[in-house]
Protein backbone atom coordinates (compact mmCIF):
# COMPACT_ATOMS: atom_id res chain seq x y z
CA UNK A 1 102.05 137.87 40.92
CA UNK A 2 100.28 140.45 42.49
CA UNK A 3 100.50 142.64 39.39
CA UNK A 4 99.48 139.67 37.14
CA UNK A 5 96.19 139.16 39.08
CA UNK A 6 95.10 142.88 39.19
CA UNK A 7 95.78 143.11 35.15
CA UNK A 8 93.73 140.40 34.92
CA UNK A 9 90.27 142.09 35.73
CA UNK A 10 87.48 140.17 34.22
CA UNK A 11 85.18 142.47 32.59
CA UNK A 12 81.26 142.50 33.82
CA UNK A 13 82.44 141.85 37.54
CA UNK A 14 82.23 145.21 39.06
CA UNK A 15 79.26 145.75 37.01
CA UNK A 16 77.69 142.96 38.43
CA UNK A 17 78.60 144.12 41.79
CA UNK A 18 77.61 147.54 41.37
CA UNK A 19 74.14 146.27 40.25
CA UNK A 20 73.39 143.91 42.99
CA UNK A 21 73.85 146.70 45.68
CA UNK A 22 70.87 148.48 45.00
CA UNK A 23 68.77 145.86 44.61
CA UNK A 24 69.98 144.67 48.26
CA UNK A 25 69.47 148.17 49.72
CA UNK A 26 65.97 148.55 48.54
CA UNK A 27 65.02 144.63 49.61
CA UNK A 28 66.45 145.58 53.27
CA UNK A 29 63.60 148.07 53.79
CA UNK A 30 60.72 145.29 53.13
CA UNK A 31 62.85 143.04 55.61
CA UNK A 32 62.91 145.44 58.31
CA UNK A 33 59.26 146.02 57.81
CA UNK A 34 58.18 142.36 57.64
CA UNK A 35 60.16 141.75 61.36
CA UNK A 36 58.53 145.12 62.50
CA UNK A 37 55.17 144.08 61.71
CA UNK A 38 55.63 140.59 63.06
CA UNK A 39 56.73 141.91 66.38
CA UNK A 40 54.05 144.36 66.62
CA UNK A 41 51.54 141.53 65.84
CA UNK A 42 53.18 139.22 68.62
CA UNK A 43 52.68 142.26 70.92
CA UNK A 44 48.99 142.71 70.31
CA UNK A 45 48.26 139.07 70.24
CA UNK A 46 50.14 138.74 73.98
CA UNK A 47 48.25 141.87 75.19
CA UNK A 48 44.93 140.22 73.83
CA UNK A 49 45.78 136.73 75.70
CA UNK A 50 46.60 138.79 78.96
CA UNK A 51 43.36 140.53 78.48
CA UNK A 52 41.60 137.27 78.14
CA UNK A 53 43.15 135.80 81.11
CA UNK A 54 42.45 139.05 83.39
CA UNK A 55 38.98 138.79 82.57
CA UNK A 56 38.88 135.10 83.73
CA UNK A 57 40.62 135.87 86.92
CA UNK A 58 38.04 138.83 87.65
CA UNK A 59 34.94 136.45 87.14
CA UNK A 60 36.82 133.97 89.24
CA UNK A 61 37.06 136.32 92.07
CA UNK A 62 33.68 137.83 91.94
CA UNK A 63 32.18 134.46 91.95
CA UNK A 64 33.95 133.92 95.31
CA UNK A 65 33.26 136.83 96.85
């Protein structure tokens, strides 16, 4: 049974797999770049948020003093 399955190789299947691999490898870099940009953007906006909070707290302390 196993020999029959290996003899029934469908033409075109191996070329479809071979052609799909380079496309996926090229697309992976864009996925990595997008995730990296999202992470760095999140860090940037979080630091802006913290900066505004610190400035607010400094003003609040200066008013009380």
